Amino acid sequence: MSARRSSGTPPRRIRRRASVVAVKLDLLMPGIEVGLVTTDLDAMVAFYEDFLELEPQGDIEFDGGSQRRYSLGGSVLKLVTYTPPPQAPAAPGGGRAQAGLRYFTIGVNGLRAVAEAFEASAYDVVEPLTEFAPVPGMGWMFVADPDGNWIELFGTL
């Protein structure tokens, strides 16, 4: 008897490890820390600190670089620089450009006003404000920071 599916394709093999050990994380904090590596710290500070008005937590120097930290709800956004800087630039384009971690999401109140502020600014709106049809009064949009990192903004209109 053949091990083929009715579609004629062979079944997919599932790779299993000889021994699987689960690890339940005992979280130290309720949020996450997102690190954005940049080679243009001034432009990124102007965007995150001056335009988005994220609250700075301070700067941390470490061997070979530094990070500027911002409060973002229960999470932290870090602008990271290295010496020497990375050879490859940020890969712009969000999830449509390549696989992997391509954007992060921030929930806000008054998304329509946020969209208007972006439209009046020099910063890129890469997907315009769209009302989320299944949930009237809620919407989403995508913007890009100066390095081309995408940010999804969603929330009440």
N, C-alpha and C. Protein backbone atom coordinates (compact mmCIF):
# COMPACT_ATOMS: atom_id res chain seq x y z
N MET A 1 0.84 -1.17 0.00
CA MET A 1 0.00 0.00 0.00
C MET A 1 0.89 1.23 0.00
N SER A 2 0.53 2.22 -0.78
CA SER A 2 1.32 3.44 -0.92
C SER A 2 1.04 4.39 0.24
N ALA A 3 2.07 5.16 0.61
CA ALA A 3 1.93 6.13 1.69
C ALA A 3 1.63 7.51 1.11
N ARG A 4 0.81 7.57 0.07
CA ARG A 4 0.45 8.84 -0.55
C ARG A 4 -0.93 9.29 -0.10
N ARG A 5 -1.11 10.59 -0.08
CA ARG A 5 -2.42 11.15 0.23
C ARG A 5 -3.33 11.00 -0.97
N SER A 6 -4.60 11.25 -0.76
CA SER A 6 -5.54 11.14 -1.87
C SER A 6 -5.21 12.14 -2.97
N SER A 7 -4.50 13.22 -2.64
CA SER A 7 -4.11 14.21 -3.65
C SER A 7 -2.94 13.72 -4.49
N GLY A 8 -2.34 12.59 -4.10
CA GLY A 8 -1.21 12.05 -4.84
C GLY A 8 0.13 12.54 -4.34
N THR A 9 0.14 13.43 -3.37
CA THR A 9 1.41 13.93 -2.83
C THR A 9 1.81 13.09 -1.64
N PRO A 10 3.10 12.86 -1.48
CA PRO A 10 3.55 12.07 -0.33
C PRO A 10 3.29 12.85 0.97
N PRO A 11 3.08 12.15 2.07
CA PRO A 11 2.87 12.86 3.35
C PRO A 11 4.14 13.59 3.77
N ARG A 12 3.95 14.71 4.45
CA ARG A 12 5.10 15.46 4.96
C ARG A 12 5.65 14.75 6.18
N ARG A 13 6.95 14.67 6.25
CA ARG A 13 7.59 14.07 7.40
C ARG A 13 7.76 15.13 8.48
N ILE A 14 7.43 14.79 9.68
CA ILE A 14 7.63 15.68 10.81
C ILE A 14 8.91 15.27 11.49
N ARG A 15 9.82 16.21 11.59
CA ARG A 15 11.10 15.96 12.22
C ARG A 15 10.94 16.07 13.72
N ARG A 16 11.27 15.05 14.42
CA ARG A 16 11.17 15.06 15.88
C ARG A 16 12.55 14.86 16.48
N ARG A 17 12.76 15.53 17.57
CA ARG A 17 14.01 15.34 18.30
C ARG A 17 13.86 14.11 19.17
N ALA A 18 14.98 13.49 19.46
CA ALA A 18 14.95 12.30 20.30
C ALA A 18 14.39 12.63 21.68
N SER A 19 14.71 13.80 22.19
CA SER A 19 14.25 14.20 23.50
C SER A 19 13.83 15.66 23.44
N VAL A 20 12.60 15.94 23.82
CA VAL A 20 12.10 17.31 23.82
C VAL A 20 11.90 17.75 25.26
N VAL A 21 12.50 18.87 25.61
CA VAL A 21 12.36 19.42 26.95
C VAL A 21 11.66 20.76 26.82
N ALA A 22 10.53 20.91 27.46
CA ALA A 22 9.80 22.17 27.43
C ALA A 22 10.36 23.11 28.49
N VAL A 23 10.32 24.40 28.20
CA VAL A 23 10.77 25.40 29.15
C VAL A 23 9.65 26.42 29.30
N LYS A 24 9.05 26.47 30.46
CA LYS A 24 8.06 27.50 30.75
C LYS A 24 8.80 28.70 31.32
N LEU A 25 8.67 29.83 30.63
CA LEU A 25 9.39 31.03 31.05
C LEU A 25 8.70 31.66 32.26
N ASP A 26 9.48 31.95 33.27
CA ASP A 26 9.01 32.68 34.44
C ASP A 26 9.37 34.15 34.17
N LEU A 27 8.42 34.90 33.62
CA LEU A 27 8.71 36.24 33.14
C LEU A 27 9.10 37.20 34.26
N LEU A 28 10.14 37.94 34.01
CA LEU A 28 10.62 38.95 34.94
C LEU A 28 9.76 40.21 34.86
N MET A 29 9.20 40.47 33.66
CA MET A 29 8.36 41.65 33.44
C MET A 29 7.25 41.29 32.47
N PRO A 30 6.14 42.03 32.48
CA PRO A 30 5.00 41.66 31.64
C PRO A 30 5.16 42.01 30.17
N GLY A 31 6.08 42.89 29.82
CA GLY A 31 6.27 43.30 28.44
C GLY A 31 7.50 42.69 27.83
N ILE A 32 7.87 43.21 26.66
CA ILE A 32 9.10 42.77 25.99
C ILE A 32 9.98 43.98 25.75
N GLU A 33 11.23 43.73 25.42
CA GLU A 33 12.16 44.77 25.01
C GLU A 33 12.49 44.54 23.55
N VAL A 34 12.28 45.57 22.73
CA VAL A 34 12.54 45.49 21.30
C VAL A 34 13.78 46.33 21.01
N GLY A 35 14.78 45.73 20.40
CA GLY A 35 16.01 46.44 20.06
C GLY A 35 16.05 46.73 18.57
N LEU A 36 16.17 48.01 18.22
CA LEU A 36 16.34 48.42 16.83
C LEU A 36 17.77 48.89 16.65
N VAL A 37 18.54 48.16 15.88
CA VAL A 37 19.93 48.53 15.62
C VAL A 37 19.93 49.59 14.53
N THR A 38 20.60 50.71 14.79
CA THR A 38 20.60 51.81 13.84
C THR A 38 22.02 52.32 13.61
N THR A 39 22.21 52.91 12.44
CA THR A 39 23.46 53.60 12.14
C THR A 39 23.22 55.10 12.03
N ASP A 40 22.00 55.55 12.30
CA ASP A 40 21.65 56.97 12.25
C ASP A 40 20.85 57.32 13.50
N LEU A 41 21.53 57.33 14.63
CA LEU A 41 20.86 57.54 15.92
C LEU A 41 20.12 58.88 15.98
N ASP A 42 20.69 59.94 15.44
CA ASP A 42 20.04 61.25 15.52
C ASP A 42 18.67 61.24 14.85
N ALA A 43 18.57 60.65 13.67
CA ALA A 43 17.29 60.58 12.96
C ALA A 43 16.28 59.72 13.72
N MET A 44 16.75 58.63 14.30
CA MET A 44 15.86 57.74 15.04
C MET A 44 15.37 58.40 16.33
N VAL A 45 16.25 59.14 17.02
CA VAL A 45 15.85 59.86 18.22
C VAL A 45 14.81 60.92 17.86
N ALA A 46 15.02 61.63 16.74
CA ALA A 46 14.05 62.64 16.31
C ALA A 46 12.68 62.01 16.07
N PHE A 47 12.64 60.80 15.55
CA PHE A 47 11.37 60.12 15.28
C PHE A 47 10.73 59.61 16.57
N TYR A 48 11.45 58.78 17.32
CA TYR A 48 10.85 58.12 18.48
C TYR A 48 10.67 59.05 19.68
N GLU A 49 11.63 59.93 19.90
CA GLU A 49 11.57 60.79 21.08
C GLU A 49 10.84 62.10 20.80
N ASP A 50 11.18 62.74 19.68
CA ASP A 50 10.60 64.05 19.40
C ASP A 50 9.22 63.95 18.74
N PHE A 51 9.07 63.09 17.73
CA PHE A 51 7.79 63.01 17.01
C PHE A 51 6.78 62.13 17.75
N LEU A 52 7.16 60.90 18.09
CA LEU A 52 6.23 60.00 18.79
C LEU A 52 6.15 60.30 20.29
N GLU A 53 7.09 61.09 20.78
CA GLU A 53 7.13 61.50 22.19
C GLU A 53 7.18 60.31 23.16
N LEU A 54 7.96 59.28 22.79
CA LEU A 54 8.19 58.19 23.74
C LEU A 54 9.03 58.72 24.88
N GLU A 55 8.78 58.20 26.08
CA GLU A 55 9.49 58.67 27.27
C GLU A 55 10.86 58.01 27.38
N PRO A 56 11.94 58.82 27.35
CA PRO A 56 13.27 58.23 27.49
C PRO A 56 13.49 57.66 28.89
N GLN A 57 14.13 56.50 28.95
CA GLN A 57 14.52 55.89 30.23
C GLN A 57 15.98 56.15 30.52
N GLY A 58 16.75 56.47 29.50
CA GLY A 58 18.17 56.72 29.68
C GLY A 58 19.02 55.98 28.66
N ASP A 59 20.31 56.19 28.77
CA ASP A 59 21.28 55.56 27.87
C ASP A 59 22.12 54.58 28.66
N ILE A 60 22.46 53.47 28.02
CA ILE A 60 23.34 52.46 28.62
C ILE A 60 24.50 52.23 27.67
N GLU A 61 25.69 52.41 28.16
CA GLU A 61 26.90 52.12 27.39
C GLU A 61 27.31 50.68 27.69
N PHE A 62 27.73 49.96 26.67
CA PHE A 62 28.27 48.62 26.85
C PHE A 62 29.47 48.46 25.93
N ASP A 63 30.25 47.43 26.16
CA ASP A 63 31.45 47.21 25.37
C ASP A 63 31.07 47.07 23.90
N GLY A 64 31.49 48.02 23.08
CA GLY A 64 31.22 47.96 21.65
C GLY A 64 29.95 48.66 21.22
N GLY A 65 29.31 49.41 22.12
CA GLY A 65 28.10 50.10 21.67
C GLY A 65 27.33 50.76 22.79
N SER A 66 26.10 51.13 22.47
CA SER A 66 25.22 51.75 23.45
C SER A 66 23.76 51.51 23.06
N GLN A 67 22.89 51.78 24.01
CA GLN A 67 21.46 51.73 23.72
C GLN A 67 20.77 52.89 24.41
N ARG A 68 19.83 53.49 23.70
CA ARG A 68 18.97 54.54 24.23
C ARG A 68 17.62 53.88 24.43
N ARG A 69 17.10 53.92 25.66
CA ARG A 69 15.90 53.17 26.04
C ARG A 69 14.69 54.08 26.19
N TYR A 70 13.53 53.57 25.74
CA TYR A 70 12.27 54.31 25.83
C TYR A 70 11.18 53.42 26.42
N SER A 71 10.34 54.01 27.26
CA SER A 71 9.16 53.31 27.77
C SER A 71 8.13 53.25 26.65
N LEU A 72 7.50 52.09 26.52
CA LEU A 72 6.44 51.90 25.53
C LEU A 72 5.40 51.01 26.17
N GLY A 73 4.48 51.61 26.93
CA GLY A 73 3.53 50.83 27.72
C GLY A 73 4.31 50.02 28.74
N GLY A 74 4.04 48.71 28.80
CA GLY A 74 4.78 47.84 29.70
C GLY A 74 6.03 47.27 29.07
N SER A 75 6.41 47.79 27.93
CA SER A 75 7.57 47.30 27.19
C SER A 75 8.63 48.38 27.07
N VAL A 76 9.73 48.02 26.43
CA VAL A 76 10.84 48.96 26.24
C VAL A 76 11.28 48.89 24.78
N LEU A 77 11.48 50.05 24.18
CA LEU A 77 12.06 50.14 22.84
C LEU A 77 13.48 50.64 23.02
N LYS A 78 14.44 49.94 22.41
CA LYS A 78 15.86 50.30 22.54
C LYS A 78 16.41 50.66 21.16
N LEU A 79 17.03 51.83 21.06
CA LEU A 79 17.78 52.19 19.87
C LEU A 79 19.23 51.83 20.15
N VAL A 80 19.74 50.88 19.40
CA VAL A 80 21.05 50.30 19.68
C VAL A 80 22.04 50.73 18.59
N THR A 81 23.22 51.16 19.03
CA THR A 81 24.31 51.45 18.09
C THR A 81 25.52 50.61 18.47
N TYR A 82 26.28 50.21 17.46
CA TYR A 82 27.50 49.42 17.66
C TYR A 82 28.69 50.15 17.07
N THR A 83 29.87 49.92 17.66
CA THR A 83 31.13 50.43 17.14
C THR A 83 32.05 49.24 16.93
N PRO A 84 32.41 48.94 15.69
CA PRO A 84 32.00 49.61 14.46
C PRO A 84 30.54 49.26 14.12
N PRO A 85 29.89 50.10 13.28
CA PRO A 85 28.49 49.84 12.92
C PRO A 85 28.36 48.60 12.04
N PRO A 86 27.16 48.01 12.00
CA PRO A 86 26.95 46.84 11.14
C PRO A 86 27.21 47.20 9.67
N GLN A 87 27.69 46.23 8.93
CA GLN A 87 27.99 46.47 7.51
C GLN A 87 26.72 46.55 6.67
N ALA A 88 25.71 45.74 7.00
CA ALA A 88 24.48 45.72 6.22
C ALA A 88 23.47 46.69 6.82
N PRO A 89 22.78 47.46 5.98
CA PRO A 89 21.77 48.39 6.49
C PRO A 89 20.50 47.64 6.90
N ALA A 90 19.57 48.36 7.53
CA ALA A 90 18.26 47.79 7.84
C ALA A 90 17.58 47.41 6.53
N ALA A 91 16.82 46.33 6.55
CA ALA A 91 16.09 45.90 5.36
C ALA A 91 14.68 46.46 5.44
N PRO A 92 14.40 47.56 4.71
CA PRO A 92 13.07 48.16 4.79
C PRO A 92 12.03 47.31 4.08
N GLY A 93 10.77 47.61 4.32
CA GLY A 93 9.71 46.95 3.56
C GLY A 93 8.76 46.11 4.37
N GLY A 94 8.91 46.05 5.66
CA GLY A 94 7.96 45.31 6.48
C GLY A 94 7.84 43.85 6.07
N GLY A 95 6.70 43.26 6.39
CA GLY A 95 6.47 41.84 6.15
C GLY A 95 6.40 41.47 4.69
N ARG A 96 6.14 42.43 3.83
CA ARG A 96 6.03 42.12 2.40
C ARG A 96 7.40 42.04 1.74
N ALA A 97 8.47 42.47 2.45
CA ALA A 97 9.80 42.50 1.86
C ALA A 97 10.57 41.20 2.07
N GLN A 98 10.47 40.61 3.26
CA GLN A 98 11.19 39.38 3.55
C GLN A 98 10.63 38.78 4.83
N ALA A 99 10.91 37.52 5.02
CA ALA A 99 10.42 36.84 6.22
C ALA A 99 11.24 37.25 7.44
N GLY A 100 10.72 36.94 8.60
CA GLY A 100 11.42 37.25 9.84
C GLY A 100 10.69 38.33 10.61
N LEU A 101 11.30 38.83 11.62
CA LEU A 101 10.72 39.90 12.42
C LEU A 101 10.73 41.17 11.57
N ARG A 102 9.57 41.62 11.12
CA ARG A 102 9.51 42.71 10.15
C ARG A 102 8.78 43.95 10.64
N TYR A 103 8.01 43.86 11.72
CA TYR A 103 7.36 45.03 12.28
C TYR A 103 6.94 44.75 13.69
N PHE A 104 6.65 45.82 14.44
CA PHE A 104 6.06 45.66 15.76
C PHE A 104 4.81 46.51 15.80
N THR A 105 3.95 46.24 16.76
CA THR A 105 2.62 46.84 16.81
C THR A 105 2.44 47.63 18.09
N ILE A 106 1.85 48.82 17.95
CA ILE A 106 1.53 49.67 19.09
C ILE A 106 0.04 49.98 19.03
N GLY A 107 -0.67 49.74 20.12
CA GLY A 107 -2.08 50.08 20.21
C GLY A 107 -2.24 51.48 20.78
N VAL A 108 -3.06 52.31 20.13
CA VAL A 108 -3.24 53.70 20.55
C VAL A 108 -4.72 54.07 20.57
N ASN A 109 -5.03 55.08 21.35
CA ASN A 109 -6.34 55.72 21.30
C ASN A 109 -6.25 56.88 20.30
N GLY A 110 -7.34 57.14 19.58
CA GLY A 110 -7.35 58.29 18.66
C GLY A 110 -6.47 58.09 17.44
N LEU A 111 -6.59 56.94 16.81
CA LEU A 111 -5.73 56.63 15.66
C LEU A 111 -5.91 57.61 14.51
N ARG A 112 -7.10 58.13 14.31
CA ARG A 112 -7.33 59.08 13.21
C ARG A 112 -6.44 60.32 13.38
N ALA A 113 -6.33 60.84 14.61
CA ALA A 113 -5.48 62.00 14.87
C ALA A 113 -4.00 61.65 14.65
N VAL A 114 -3.61 60.43 15.02
CA VAL A 114 -2.24 59.99 14.79
C VAL A 114 -1.96 59.93 13.29
N ALA A 115 -2.91 59.40 12.52
CA ALA A 115 -2.76 59.32 11.06
C ALA A 115 -2.62 60.71 10.46
N GLU A 116 -3.40 61.68 10.95
CA GLU A 116 -3.32 63.05 10.45
C GLU A 116 -1.96 63.66 10.76
N ALA A 117 -1.43 63.39 11.95
CA ALA A 117 -0.10 63.90 12.31
C ALA A 117 0.97 63.31 11.39
N PHE A 118 0.86 62.03 11.08
CA PHE A 118 1.83 61.41 10.16
C PHE A 118 1.70 62.02 8.77
N GLU A 119 0.48 62.22 8.31
CA GLU A 119 0.28 62.78 6.97
C GLU A 119 0.88 64.18 6.86
N ALA A 120 0.86 64.94 7.95
CA ALA A 120 1.40 66.30 7.95
C ALA A 120 2.91 66.33 8.18
N SER A 121 3.50 65.18 8.49
CA SER A 121 4.93 65.11 8.79
C SER A 121 5.73 64.68 7.57
N ALA A 122 7.03 64.62 7.75
CA ALA A 122 7.93 64.12 6.70
C ALA A 122 8.10 62.61 6.76
N TYR A 123 7.46 61.95 7.74
CA TYR A 123 7.63 60.50 7.92
C TYR A 123 6.69 59.72 7.01
N ASP A 124 7.10 58.48 6.68
CA ASP A 124 6.39 57.67 5.70
C ASP A 124 5.21 56.91 6.31
N VAL A 125 4.05 57.07 5.67
CA VAL A 125 2.90 56.20 5.91
C VAL A 125 2.97 55.17 4.79
N VAL A 126 3.21 53.91 5.15
CA VAL A 126 3.40 52.89 4.11
C VAL A 126 2.12 52.12 3.80
N GLU A 127 1.19 52.09 4.73
CA GLU A 127 -0.16 51.58 4.46
C GLU A 127 -1.11 52.51 5.21
N PRO A 128 -2.03 53.16 4.49
CA PRO A 128 -2.85 54.22 5.09
C PRO A 128 -3.85 53.68 6.11
N LEU A 129 -4.37 54.61 6.89
CA LEU A 129 -5.38 54.29 7.89
C LEU A 129 -6.53 53.54 7.23
N THR A 130 -6.87 52.40 7.81
CA THR A 130 -7.94 51.55 7.30
C THR A 130 -8.82 51.14 8.47
N GLU A 131 -10.12 51.32 8.32
CA GLU A 131 -11.02 50.86 9.37
C GLU A 131 -11.11 49.35 9.31
N PHE A 132 -11.07 48.72 10.47
CA PHE A 132 -11.13 47.26 10.58
C PHE A 132 -12.60 46.86 10.51
N ALA A 133 -13.06 46.40 9.35
CA ALA A 133 -14.48 46.16 9.09
C ALA A 133 -15.16 45.28 10.15
N PRO A 134 -14.52 44.20 10.62
CA PRO A 134 -15.22 43.37 11.62
C PRO A 134 -15.45 44.07 12.96
N VAL A 135 -14.69 45.15 13.22
CA VAL A 135 -14.84 45.85 14.50
C VAL A 135 -14.97 47.35 14.20
N PRO A 136 -16.18 47.83 13.92
CA PRO A 136 -16.36 49.26 13.61
C PRO A 136 -15.80 50.14 14.72
N GLY A 137 -15.18 51.24 14.31
CA GLY A 137 -14.58 52.16 15.27
C GLY A 137 -13.13 51.85 15.59
N MET A 138 -12.61 50.75 15.04
CA MET A 138 -11.21 50.38 15.22
C MET A 138 -10.52 50.43 13.86
N GLY A 139 -9.24 50.76 13.86
CA GLY A 139 -8.52 50.81 12.59
C GLY A 139 -7.06 50.46 12.77
N TRP A 140 -6.33 50.46 11.65
CA TRP A 140 -4.91 50.16 11.66
C TRP A 140 -4.23 50.90 10.51
N MET A 141 -2.93 51.05 10.63
CA MET A 141 -2.10 51.63 9.59
C MET A 141 -0.66 51.19 9.82
N PHE A 142 0.17 51.32 8.80
CA PHE A 142 1.60 51.05 8.95
C PHE A 142 2.39 52.30 8.60
N VAL A 143 3.41 52.59 9.40
CA VAL A 143 4.31 53.70 9.16
C VAL A 143 5.74 53.16 9.18
N ALA A 144 6.68 53.97 8.74
CA ALA A 144 8.09 53.55 8.75
C ALA A 144 8.91 54.60 9.49
N ASP A 145 9.87 54.11 10.27
CA ASP A 145 10.80 55.03 10.94
C ASP A 145 11.90 55.42 9.94
N PRO A 146 12.81 56.30 10.31
CA PRO A 146 13.84 56.74 9.36
C PRO A 146 14.73 55.63 8.80
N ASP A 147 14.89 54.52 9.53
CA ASP A 147 15.68 53.40 9.03
C ASP A 147 14.87 52.47 8.14
N GLY A 148 13.57 52.71 8.02
CA GLY A 148 12.71 51.86 7.20
C GLY A 148 12.03 50.74 7.97
N ASN A 149 12.19 50.69 9.29
CA ASN A 149 11.49 49.69 10.10
C ASN A 149 10.00 50.02 10.12
N TRP A 150 9.16 49.03 9.91
CA TRP A 150 7.72 49.25 9.90
C TRP A 150 7.15 49.14 11.31
N ILE A 151 6.15 49.98 11.57
CA ILE A 151 5.41 49.96 12.82
C ILE A 151 3.93 49.91 12.47
N GLU A 152 3.23 48.92 13.00
CA GLU A 152 1.78 48.87 12.84
C GLU A 152 1.17 49.64 14.00
N LEU A 153 0.31 50.58 13.67
CA LEU A 153 -0.45 51.30 14.68
C LEU A 153 -1.90 50.86 14.56
N PHE A 154 -2.52 50.46 15.67
CA PHE A 154 -3.93 50.10 15.62
C PHE A 154 -4.61 50.74 16.81
N GLY A 155 -5.91 50.88 16.70
CA GLY A 155 -6.64 51.40 17.85
C GLY A 155 -7.97 52.03 17.49
N THR A 156 -8.50 52.75 18.46
CA THR A 156 -9.79 53.40 18.27
C THR A 156 -9.61 54.58 17.31
N LEU A 157 -10.61 54.75 16.46
CA LEU A 157 -10.55 55.86 15.51
C LEU A 157 -10.96 57.14 16.21
